[in-house]
PDB file of N, CA and C in Angstrom:
ATOM      1  N   MET A   1      -6.843 -29.529   7.741  1.00  0.00           N
ATOM      2  CA  MET A   1      -6.957 -28.084   9.035  1.00  0.00           C
ATOM      3  C   MET A   1      -6.393 -28.547  10.105  1.00  0.00           C
ATOM      4  N   HIS A   2      -5.014 -29.304  10.085  1.00  0.00           N
ATOM      5  CA  HIS A   2      -3.838 -29.609  11.367  1.00  0.00           C
ATOM      6  C   HIS A   2      -3.407 -28.203  11.393  1.00  0.00           C
ATOM      7  N   PHE A   3      -3.326 -28.029  12.699  1.00  0.00           N
ATOM      8  CA  PHE A   3      -3.210 -27.375  13.878  1.00  0.00           C
ATOM      9  C   PHE A   3      -3.584 -25.905  13.129  1.00  0.00           C
ATOM     10  N   ILE A   4      -4.752 -25.798  13.402  1.00  0.00           N
ATOM     11  CA  ILE A   4      -5.400 -24.417  13.521  1.00  0.00           C
ATOM     12  C   ILE A   4      -5.207 -23.914  14.406  1.00  0.00           C
ATOM     13  N   LYS A   5      -5.275 -23.921  15.896  1.00  0.00           N
ATOM     14  CA  LYS A   5      -5.102 -23.489  16.805  1.00  0.00           C
ATOM     15  C   LYS A   5      -3.474 -22.648  16.758  1.00  0.00           C
ATOM     16  N   GLU A   6      -2.354 -23.157  16.315  1.00  0.00           N
ATOM     17  CA  GLU A   6      -1.761 -22.767  16.392  1.00  0.00           C
ATOM     18  C   GLU A   6      -1.205 -21.489  15.296  1.00  0.00           C
ATOM     19  N   ARG A   7      -2.209 -21.908  13.893  1.00  0.00           N
ATOM     20  CA  ARG A   7      -1.771 -20.674  12.882  1.00  0.00           C
ATOM     21  C   ARG A   7      -2.907 -19.769  13.432  1.00  0.00           C
ATOM     22  N   ILE A   8      -3.691 -20.255  13.761  1.00  0.00           N
ATOM     23  CA  ILE A   8      -4.347 -18.203  14.568  1.00  0.00           C
ATOM     24  C   ILE A   8      -3.483 -18.149  15.715  1.00  0.00           C
ATOM     25  N   GLY A   9      -2.919 -18.682  16.358  1.00  0.00           N
ATOM     26  CA  GLY A   9      -2.002 -17.926  17.555  1.00  0.00           C
ATOM     27  C   GLY A   9      -1.153 -17.255  16.913  1.00  0.00           C
ATOM     28  N   LYS A  10      -0.210 -17.585  15.555  1.00  0.00           N
ATOM     29  CA  LYS A  10       0.616 -16.973  15.380  1.00  0.00           C
ATOM     30  C   LYS A  10       0.055 -15.627  14.273  1.00  0.00           C
ATOM     31  N   LEU A  11      -0.898 -15.786  13.851  1.00  0.00           N
ATOM     32  CA  LEU A  11      -1.585 -14.421  13.324  1.00  0.00           C
ATOM     33  C   LEU A  11      -1.857 -13.608  14.363  1.00  0.00           C
ATOM     34  N   ILE A  12      -2.320 -13.907  15.876  1.00  0.00           N
ATOM     35  CA  ILE A  12      -2.662 -13.512  16.370  1.00  0.00           C
ATOM     36  C   ILE A  12      -1.285 -12.426  17.100  1.00  0.00           C
ATOM     37  N   ASP A  13      -0.351 -13.072  17.251  1.00  0.00           N
ATOM     38  CA  ASP A  13       0.937 -12.890  17.312  1.00  0.00           C
ATOM     39  C   ASP A  13       1.450 -12.002  16.514  1.00  0.00           C
ATOM     40  N   ASP A  14       1.551 -11.959  15.129  1.00  0.00           N
ATOM     41  CA  ASP A  14       1.628 -11.168  14.091  1.00  0.00           C
ATOM     42  C   ASP A  14       0.935  -9.846  14.303  1.00  0.00           C
ATOM     43  N   LEU A  15      -0.097  -9.883  14.739  1.00  0.00           N
ATOM     44  CA  LEU A  15      -1.181  -8.798  14.280  1.00  0.00           C
ATOM     45  C   LEU A  15      -1.495  -8.101  15.499  1.00  0.00           C
ATOM     46  N   GLY A  16      -0.541  -8.318  16.663  1.00  0.00           N
ATOM     47  CA  GLY A  16       0.121  -8.020  18.060  1.00  0.00           C
ATOM     48  C   GLY A  16       1.311  -6.779  17.623  1.00  0.00           C
ATOM     49  N   GLY A  17       2.212  -7.231  17.165  1.00  0.00           N
ATOM     50  CA  GLY A  17       3.232  -6.599  16.415  1.00  0.00           C
ATOM     51  C   GLY A  17       2.765  -5.773  15.569  1.00  0.00           C
ATOM     52  N   LEU A  18       2.050  -5.676  14.570  1.00  0.00           N
ATOM     53  CA  LEU A  18       1.383  -4.874  14.233  1.00  0.00           C
ATOM     54  C   LEU A  18       0.682  -3.507  15.000  1.00  0.00           C
ATOM     55  N   ILE A  19       0.280  -3.891  16.172  1.00  0.00           N
ATOM     56  CA  ILE A  19      -0.550  -2.928  16.698  1.00  0.00           C
ATOM     57  C   ILE A  19       0.272  -1.691  18.051  1.00  0.00           C
ATOM     58  N   TYR A  20       1.193  -3.032  18.026  1.00  0.00           N
ATOM     59  CA  TYR A  20       2.274  -2.637  19.279  1.00  0.00           C
ATOM     60  C   TYR A  20       3.646  -2.465  18.671  1.00  0.00           C
ATOM     61  N   PRO A  21       3.827  -1.717  17.433  1.00  0.00           N
ATOM     62  CA  PRO A  21       5.201  -1.588  17.163  1.00  0.00           C
ATOM     63  C   PRO A  21       6.479  -1.361  17.916  1.00  0.00           C
ATOM     64  N   GLU A  22       6.102  -0.548  19.300  1.00  0.00           N
ATOM     65  CA  GLU A  22       7.402  -0.450  20.140  1.00  0.00           C
ATOM     66  C   GLU A  22       6.634  -0.794  21.503  1.00  0.00           C
ATOM     67  N   SER A  23       7.614  -1.471  22.485  1.00  0.00           N
ATOM     68  CA  SER A  23       7.493  -1.602  23.531  1.00  0.00           C
ATOM     69  C   SER A  23       8.573  -1.432  24.918  1.00  0.00           C
ATOM     70  N   VAL A  24       8.549  -1.191  26.076  1.00  0.00           N
ATOM     71  CA  VAL A  24       9.315  -1.148  26.879  1.00  0.00           C
ATOM     72  C   VAL A  24       8.840  -2.044  28.190  1.00  0.00           C
ATOM     73  N   PRO A  25      10.173  -2.610  28.395  1.00  0.00           N
ATOM     74  CA  PRO A  25      10.303  -3.350  29.548  1.00  0.00           C
ATOM     75  C   PRO A  25       9.612  -2.899  31.106  1.00  0.00           C
ATOM     76  N   VAL A  26       8.645  -3.387  31.696  1.00  0.00           N
ATOM     77  CA  VAL A  26       8.850  -3.048  32.994  1.00  0.00           C
ATOM     78  C   VAL A  26       8.742  -3.543  33.958  1.00  0.00           C
ATOM     79  N   GLU A  27       9.392  -3.387  34.923  1.00  0.00           N
ATOM     80  CA  GLU A  27      10.054  -4.130  36.253  1.00  0.00           C
ATOM     81  C   GLU A  27       9.299  -4.261  37.097  1.00  0.00           C
ATOM     82  N   GLN A  28       9.494  -4.908  38.531  1.00  0.00           N
ATOM     83  CA  GLN A  28       8.586  -4.327  39.740  1.00  0.00           C
ATOM     84  C   GLN A  28       7.317  -3.967  39.814  1.00  0.00           C
ATOM     85  N   ILE A  29       6.612  -4.759  39.283  1.00  0.00           N
ATOM     86  CA  ILE A  29       5.232  -4.191  38.995  1.00  0.00           C
ATOM     87  C   ILE A  29       4.657  -4.910  40.397  1.00  0.00           C
ATOM     88  N   ARG A  30       3.794  -3.884  41.173  1.00  0.00           N
ATOM     89  CA  ARG A  30       3.182  -4.348  42.782  1.00  0.00           C
ATOM     90  C   ARG A  30       1.618  -4.159  42.178  1.00  0.00           C
ATOM     91  N   ILE A  31       0.913  -4.982  43.214  1.00  0.00           N
ATOM     92  CA  ILE A  31      -0.531  -5.281  43.205  1.00  0.00           C
ATOM     93  C   ILE A  31      -1.319  -5.282  44.581  1.00  0.00           C
ATOM     94  N   MET A  32      -2.243  -4.964  44.141  1.00  0.00           N
ATOM     95  CA  MET A  32      -2.788  -4.932  45.509  1.00  0.00           C
ATOM     96  C   MET A  32      -4.913  -5.092  44.839  1.00  0.00           C
ATOM     97  N   HIS A  33      -5.290  -6.143  45.454  1.00  0.00           N
ATOM     98  CA  HIS A  33      -6.355  -6.220  45.609  1.00  0.00           C
ATOM     99  C   HIS A  33      -7.013  -5.394  46.240  1.00  0.00           C
ATOM    100  N   SER A  34      -8.305  -4.700  45.968  1.00  0.00           N
ATOM    101  CA  SER A  34      -9.370  -3.731  46.218  1.00  0.00           C
ATOM    102  C   SER A  34     -10.863  -4.393  46.278  1.00  0.00           C
ATOM    103  N   ALA A  35     -11.487  -4.006  47.346  1.00  0.00           N
ATOM    104  CA  ALA A  35     -12.545  -4.388  47.944  1.00  0.00           C
ATOM    105  C   ALA A  35     -13.376  -4.129  46.606  1.00  0.00           C
ATOM    106  N   ASP A  36     -13.332  -2.503  46.352  1.00  0.00           N
ATOM    107  CA  ASP A  36     -14.418  -1.905  45.398  1.00  0.00           C
ATOM    108  C   ASP A  36     -14.013  -1.128  44.648  1.00  0.00           C
ATOM    109  N   GLY A  37     -12.827  -0.994  44.206  1.00  0.00           N
ATOM    110  CA  GLY A  37     -12.116   0.046  42.904  1.00  0.00           C
ATOM    111  C   GLY A  37     -12.024   1.575  43.309  1.00  0.00           C
ATOM    112  N   ARG A  38     -12.321   1.964  44.348  1.00  0.00           N
ATOM    113  CA  ARG A  38     -12.947   3.257  44.575  1.00  0.00           C
ATOM    114  C   ARG A  38     -12.049   4.127  45.250  1.00  0.00           C
ATOM    115  N   GLU A  39     -10.488   3.847  45.959  1.00  0.00           N
ATOM    116  CA  GLU A  39      -9.379   3.928  46.437  1.00  0.00           C
ATOM    117  C   GLU A  39      -9.312   5.533  45.457  1.00  0.00           C
ATOM    118  N   ASP A  40      -8.834   6.613  46.211  1.00  0.00           N
ATOM    119  CA  ASP A  40      -8.351   7.825  45.554  1.00  0.00           C
ATOM    120  C   ASP A  40      -7.005   7.773  45.285  1.00  0.00           C
ATOM    121  N   PRO A  41      -6.260   6.715  44.313  1.00  0.00           N
ATOM    122  CA  PRO A  41      -4.946   6.769  43.688  1.00  0.00           C
ATOM    123  C   PRO A  41      -4.415   7.834  44.383  1.00  0.00           C
ATOM    124  N   ALA A  42      -4.292   9.143  44.432  1.00  0.00           N
ATOM    125  CA  ALA A  42      -3.181   9.304  45.247  1.00  0.00           C
ATOM    126  C   ALA A  42      -3.072   9.730  46.820  1.00  0.00           C
ATOM    127  N   GLU A  43      -3.758   8.488  47.402  1.00  0.00           N
ATOM    128  CA  GLU A  43      -3.745   8.727  48.945  1.00  0.00           C
ATOM    129  C   GLU A  43      -2.991   7.215  48.773  1.00  0.00           C
ATOM    130  N   LEU A  44      -3.048   6.351  47.809  1.00  0.00           N
ATOM    131  CA  LEU A  44      -2.623   4.659  47.540  1.00  0.00           C
ATOM    132  C   LEU A  44      -0.987   4.562  47.704  1.00  0.00           C
ATOM    133  N   ASP A  45       0.088   4.174  48.943  1.00  0.00           N
ATOM    134  CA  ASP A  45       1.021   3.926  48.929  1.00  0.00           C
ATOM    135  C   ASP A  45       1.434   2.174  48.194  1.00  0.00           C
ATOM    136  N   PRO A  46       2.027   2.132  47.531  1.00  0.00           N
ATOM    137  CA  PRO A  46       2.139   0.991  46.838  1.00  0.00           C
ATOM    138  C   PRO A  46       3.770  -0.041  47.431  1.00  0.00           C
ATOM    139  N   SER A  47       4.192   0.834  48.773  1.00  0.00           N
ATOM    140  CA  SER A  47       5.170   0.026  48.782  1.00  0.00           C
ATOM    141  C   SER A  47       5.184  -1.293  49.586  1.00  0.00           C
ATOM    142  N   GLY A  48       4.050  -1.378  50.434  1.00  0.00           N
ATOM    143  CA  GLY A  48       3.520  -2.656  51.153  1.00  0.00           C
ATOM    144  C   GLY A  48       2.508  -3.889  50.416  1.00  0.00           C
ATOM    145  N   TRP A  49       2.768  -3.138  48.919  1.00  0.00           N
ATOM    146  CA  TRP A  49       1.886  -4.467  48.224  1.00  0.00           C
ATOM    147  C   TRP A  49       2.772  -5.373  47.741  1.00  0.00           C
ATOM    148  N   GLU A  50       1.783  -6.471  47.056  1.00  0.00           N
ATOM    149  CA  GLU A  50       2.606  -7.853  47.071  1.00  0.00           C
ATOM    150  C   GLU A  50       3.311  -7.299  45.479  1.00  0.00           C
ATOM    151  N   ALA A  51       3.956  -8.297  45.608  1.00  0.00           N
ATOM    152  CA  ALA A  51       5.029  -8.621  43.930  1.00  0.00           C
ATOM    153  C   ALA A  51       4.456  -8.734  43.030  1.00  0.00           C
ATOM    154  N   PHE A  52       4.218  -8.247  41.784  1.00  0.00           N
ATOM    155  CA  PHE A  52       3.679  -9.386  40.550  1.00  0.00           C
ATOM    156  C   PHE A  52       4.481  -9.472  39.550  1.00  0.00           C
ATOM    157  N   GLU A  53       4.443 -10.829  39.212  1.00  0.00           N
ATOM    158  CA  GLU A  53       5.682 -11.373  38.425  1.00  0.00           C
ATOM    159  C   GLU A  53       5.025 -11.564  37.010  1.00  0.00           C
ATOM    160  N   ARG A  54       5.654 -11.779  36.397  1.00  0.00           N
ATOM    161  CA  ARG A  54       5.604 -11.918  35.022  1.00  0.00           C
ATOM    162  C   ARG A  54       4.445 -12.888  34.562  1.00  0.00           C
ATOM    163  N   ARG A  55       4.203 -13.630  35.030  1.00  0.00           N
ATOM    164  CA  ARG A  55       2.554 -15.042  34.551  1.00  0.00           C
ATOM    165  C   ARG A  55       1.748 -14.743  35.660  1.00  0.00           C
ATOM    166  N   ASP A  56       2.276 -14.299  36.758  1.00  0.00           N
ATOM    167  CA  ASP A  56       1.244 -14.311  37.889  1.00  0.00           C
ATOM    168  C   ASP A  56      -0.455 -13.948  37.452  1.00  0.00           C
ATOM    169  N   LEU A  57      -1.578 -14.460  37.689  1.00  0.00           N
ATOM    170  CA  LEU A  57      -2.723 -14.372  37.180  1.00  0.00           C
ATOM    171  C   LEU A  57      -3.271 -13.524  38.137  1.00  0.00           C
ATOM    172  N   TRP A  58      -4.271 -12.835  37.826  1.00  0.00           N
ATOM    173  CA  TRP A  58      -5.104 -11.866  38.446  1.00  0.00           C
ATOM    174  C   TRP A  58      -6.438 -11.420  37.721  1.00  0.00           C
ATOM    175  N   GLY A  59      -7.157 -11.290  39.042  1.00  0.00           N
ATOM    176  CA  GLY A  59      -8.450 -11.296  38.138  1.00  0.00           C
ATOM    177  C   GLY A  59      -9.850 -11.885  38.595  1.00  0.00           C
ATOM    178  N   GLY A  60     -11.018 -11.591  38.211  1.00  0.00           N
ATOM    179  CA  GLY A  60     -11.933 -12.649  38.685  1.00  0.00           C
ATOM    180  C   GLY A  60     -13.434 -11.603  38.478  1.00  0.00           C
ATOM    181  N   HIS A  61     -14.593 -12.301  38.554  1.00  0.00           N
ATOM    182  CA  HIS A  61     -15.842 -11.605  38.608  1.00  0.00           C
ATOM    183  C   HIS A  61     -16.247 -10.453  39.449  1.00  0.00           C
ATOM    184  N   ARG A  62     -16.124  -9.132  39.322  1.00  0.00           N
ATOM    185  CA  ARG A  62     -16.227  -8.032  40.333  1.00  0.00           C
ATOM    186  C   ARG A  62     -15.133  -8.125  41.397  1.00  0.00           C
ATOM    187  N   GLU A  63     -13.679  -8.165  40.675  1.00  0.00           N
ATOM    188  CA  GLU A  63     -12.628  -8.392  41.372  1.00  0.00           C
ATOM    189  C   GLU A  63     -11.891  -7.219  41.422  1.00  0.00           C
ATOM    190  N   TYR A  64     -11.040  -6.302  41.977  1.00  0.00           N
ATOM    191  CA  TYR A  64     -10.492  -4.962  41.956  1.00  0.00           C
ATOM    192  C   TYR A  64      -9.345  -4.992  42.147  1.00  0.00           C
ATOM    193  N   TYR A  65      -8.093  -4.914  41.312  1.00  0.00           N
ATOM    194  CA  TYR A  65      -6.841  -4.734  41.514  1.00  0.00           C
ATOM    195  C   TYR A  65      -6.314  -3.220  41.024  1.00  0.00           C
ATOM    196  N   TRP A  66      -5.252  -2.753  41.791  1.00  0.00           N
ATOM    197  CA  TRP A  66      -4.469  -1.297  41.678  1.00  0.00           C
ATOM    198  C   TRP A  66      -3.024  -1.644  41.127  1.00  0.00           C
ATOM    199  N   PHE A  67      -2.543  -1.678  40.213  1.00  0.00           N
ATOM    200  CA  PHE A  67      -0.889  -1.844  40.002  1.00  0.00           C
ATOM    201  C   PHE A  67      -0.457  -0.649  40.256  1.00  0.00           C
ATOM    202  N   ALA A  68       1.323  -0.881  40.612  1.00  0.00           N
ATOM    203  CA  ALA A  68       1.936   0.544  40.537  1.00  0.00           C
ATOM    204  C   ALA A  68       2.887  -0.270  40.077  1.00  0.00           C
ATOM    205  N   PHE A  69       3.629   0.364  39.211  1.00  0.00           N
ATOM    206  CA  PHE A  69       5.064   0.217  38.463  1.00  0.00           C
ATOM    207  C   PHE A  69       5.811   1.527  38.073  1.00  0.00           C
ATOM    208  N   THR A  70       6.928   1.649  37.788  1.00  0.00           N
ATOM    209  CA  THR A  70       7.945   3.045  37.379  1.00  0.00           C
ATOM    210  C   THR A  70       8.436   2.557  35.683  1.00  0.00           C
ATOM    211  N   ALA A  71       8.147   3.294  34.594  1.00  0.00           N
ATOM    212  CA  ALA A  71       8.474   2.886  33.505  1.00  0.00           C
ATOM    213  C   ALA A  71       9.368   3.890  33.087  1.00  0.00           C
ATOM    214  N   GLU A  72      10.235   4.199  32.087  1.00  0.00           N
ATOM    215  CA  GLU A  72      11.027   5.065  31.505  1.00  0.00           C
ATOM    216  C   GLU A  72      10.299   5.441  30.316  1.00  0.00           C
ATOM    217  N   ILE A  73       9.862   6.305  29.696  1.00  0.00           N
ATOM    218  CA  ILE A  73       9.347   6.194  28.374  1.00  0.00           C
ATOM    219  C   ILE A  73      10.456   6.785  27.602  1.00  0.00           C
ATOM    220  N   PRO A  74      10.502   6.332  26.387  1.00  0.00           N
ATOM    221  CA  PRO A  74      11.524   6.613  25.609  1.00  0.00           C
ATOM    222  C   PRO A  74      11.529   7.962  25.004  1.00  0.00           C
ATOM    223  N   GLU A  75      12.048   8.871  24.914  1.00  0.00           N
ATOM    224  CA  GLU A  75      12.762  10.211  23.860  1.00  0.00           C
ATOM    225  C   GLU A  75      11.545   9.966  22.583  1.00  0.00           C
ATOM    226  N   GLY A  76      11.778   8.798  21.669  1.00  0.00           N
ATOM    227  CA  GLY A  76      11.183   8.994  20.466  1.00  0.00           C
ATOM    228  C   GLY A  76       9.357   8.735  20.717  1.00  0.00           C
ATOM    229  N   TRP A  77       8.864   8.183  21.909  1.00  0.00           N
ATOM    230  CA  TRP A  77       7.834   8.387  21.717  1.00  0.00           C
ATOM    231  C   TRP A  77       6.693   9.734  22.171  1.00  0.00           C
ATOM    232  N   ASP A  78       7.577  10.545  22.407  1.00  0.00           N
ATOM    233  CA  ASP A  78       7.114  12.225  22.587  1.00  0.00           C
ATOM    234  C   ASP A  78       6.884  12.856  21.235  1.00  0.00           C
ATOM    235  N   GLU A  79       7.127  11.882  20.195  1.00  0.00           N
ATOM    236  CA  GLU A  79       7.285  12.360  18.583  1.00  0.00           C
ATOM    237  C   GLU A  79       5.893  12.104  18.314  1.00  0.00           C
ATOM    238  N   ALA A  80       4.995  13.165  17.495  1.00  0.00           N
ATOM    239  CA  ALA A  80       3.884  13.004  16.811  1.00  0.00           C
ATOM    240  C   ALA A  80       2.828  12.166  17.283  1.00  0.00           C
ATOM    241  N   GLY A  81       2.534  12.570  18.793  1.00  0.00           N
ATOM    242  CA  GLY A  81       1.570  12.162  19.245  1.00  0.00           C
ATOM    243  C   GLY A  81       1.758  10.502  19.767  1.00  0.00           C
ATOM    244  N   THR A  82       2.619   9.870  19.740  1.00  0.00           N
ATOM    245  CA  THR A  82       2.630   8.787  20.331  1.00  0.00           C
ATOM    246  C   THR A  82       3.490   7.958  21.534  1.00  0.00           C
ATOM    247  N   ARG A  83       3.287   9.491  22.433  1.00  0.00           N
ATOM    248  CA  ARG A  83       4.154   9.226  23.982  1.00  0.00           C
ATOM    249  C   ARG A  83       2.491   8.704  24.674  1.00  0.00           C
ATOM    250  N   PRO A  84       2.273   7.511  25.126  1.00  0.00           N
ATOM    251  CA  PRO A  84       1.273   7.045  26.013  1.00  0.00           C
ATOM    252  C   PRO A  84       0.875   8.170  27.004  1.00  0.00           C
ATOM    253  N   THR A  85      -0.597   8.109  27.968  1.00  0.00           N
ATOM    254  CA  THR A  85      -0.853   8.661  28.738  1.00  0.00           C
ATOM    255  C   THR A  85      -1.137   7.672  29.489  1.00  0.00           C
ATOM    256  N   ARG A  86      -1.882   8.341  30.702  1.00  0.00           N
ATOM    257  CA  ARG A  86      -2.125   7.543  31.712  1.00  0.00           C
ATOM    258  C   ARG A  86      -3.433   6.525  31.316  1.00  0.00           C
ATOM    259  N   SER A  87      -4.150   7.303  30.313  1.00  0.00           N
ATOM    260  CA  SER A  87      -5.091   6.033  30.120  1.00  0.00           C
ATOM    261  C   SER A  87      -4.799   5.099  28.955  1.00  0.00           C
ATOM    262  N   SER A  88      -3.650   5.696  28.581  1.00  0.00           N
ATOM    263  CA  SER A  88      -3.240   4.901  27.082  1.00  0.00           C
ATOM    264  C   SER A  88      -2.420   3.456  27.278  1.00  0.00           C
ATOM    265  N   ALA A  89      -1.857   3.598  28.722  1.00  0.00           N
ATOM    266  CA  ALA A  89      -0.781   3.291  28.710  1.00  0.00           C
ATOM    267  C   ALA A  89      -1.328   1.718  29.602  1.00  0.00           C
ATOM    268  N   ARG A  90      -0.693   0.631  28.523  1.00  0.00           N
ATOM    269  CA  ARG A  90      -1.539  -0.883  29.090  1.00  0.00           C
ATOM    270  C   ARG A  90      -0.173  -1.747  29.606  1.00  0.00           C
ATOM    271  N   SER A  91      -0.683  -2.733  30.570  1.00  0.00           N
ATOM    272  CA  SER A  91       1.060  -3.283  30.501  1.00  0.00           C
ATOM    273  C   SER A  91       0.112  -4.627  30.476  1.00  0.00           C
ATOM    274  N   SER A  92       0.782  -5.631  30.390  1.00  0.00           N
ATOM    275  CA  SER A  92       0.085  -6.738  29.389  1.00  0.00           C
ATOM    276  C   SER A  92       0.848  -7.847  30.727  1.00  0.00           C
ATOM    277  N   THR A  93       0.592  -9.654  30.396  1.00  0.00           N
ATOM    278  CA  THR A  93       0.926 -10.218  31.749  1.00  0.00           C
ATOM    279  C   THR A  93       2.758 -10.914  31.163  1.00  0.00           C
ATOM    280  N   ASP A  94       2.963 -10.556  29.985  1.00  0.00           N
ATOM    281  CA  ASP A  94       4.397 -10.912  29.496  1.00  0.00           C
ATOM    282  C   ASP A  94       5.685  -9.544  30.006  1.00  0.00           C
ATOM    283  N   GLY A  95       5.107  -8.434  30.725  1.00  0.00           N
ATOM    284  CA  GLY A  95       5.774  -7.770  31.725  1.00  0.00           C
ATOM    285  C   GLY A  95       6.089  -6.276  31.006  1.00  0.00           C
ATOM    286  N   VAL A  96       5.456  -6.125  29.667  1.00  0.00           N
ATOM    287  CA  VAL A  96       5.732  -5.036  28.604  1.00  0.00           C
ATOM    288  C   VAL A  96       4.731  -4.646  28.633  1.00  0.00           C
ATOM    289  N   CYS A  97       4.958  -2.664  28.661  1.00  0.00           N
ATOM    290  CA  CYS A  97       3.901  -1.592  28.942  1.00  0.00           C
ATOM    291  C   CYS A  97       4.038  -1.850  27.379  1.00  0.00           C
ATOM    292  N   ARG A  98       2.840  -1.246  26.498  1.00  0.00           N
ATOM    293  CA  ARG A  98       2.678  -0.524  25.774  1.00  0.00           C
ATOM    294  C   ARG A  98       2.140   0.143  25.575  1.00  0.00           C
ATOM    295  N   GLY A  99       2.718   1.504  24.549  1.00  0.00           N
ATOM    296  CA  GLY A  99       1.683   2.567  24.227  1.00  0.00           C
ATOM    297  C   GLY A  99       1.295   2.868  22.956  1.00  0.00           C
ATOM    298  N   TRP A 100       0.347   3.169  22.590  1.00  0.00           N
ATOM    299  CA  TRP A 100      -0.491   3.915  21.228  1.00  0.00           C
ATOM    300  C   TRP A 100      -0.881   4.787  21.416  1.00  0.00           C
ATOM    301  N   THR A 101      -1.563   5.635  20.338  1.00  0.00           N
ATOM    302  CA  THR A 101      -2.089   7.093  20.360  1.00  0.00           C
ATOM    303  C   THR A 101      -3.754   6.674  20.452  1.00  0.00           C
TER     304      THR A 101
END
């Protein structure tokens, strides 16, 4: 059972490619720490927020953060209900926005 962690990691990566077959790179992500996460998103101005880099860490117990970025959704994602919605678009630490139905 040598390299079991490496084999499990590879399987997880392979499964991720099946769950999220398409991805769009996301650039210039901004982050803001929030006291309670109750701000009205329509009133937030991300221009003064900190830059969030690809491998930055965030989070913690009862901590709240807001993220802001702009991404172009490819035309092909409009077909067959595959276009991500606000609630189904997720970003990860690898700087990629993934969408699913």
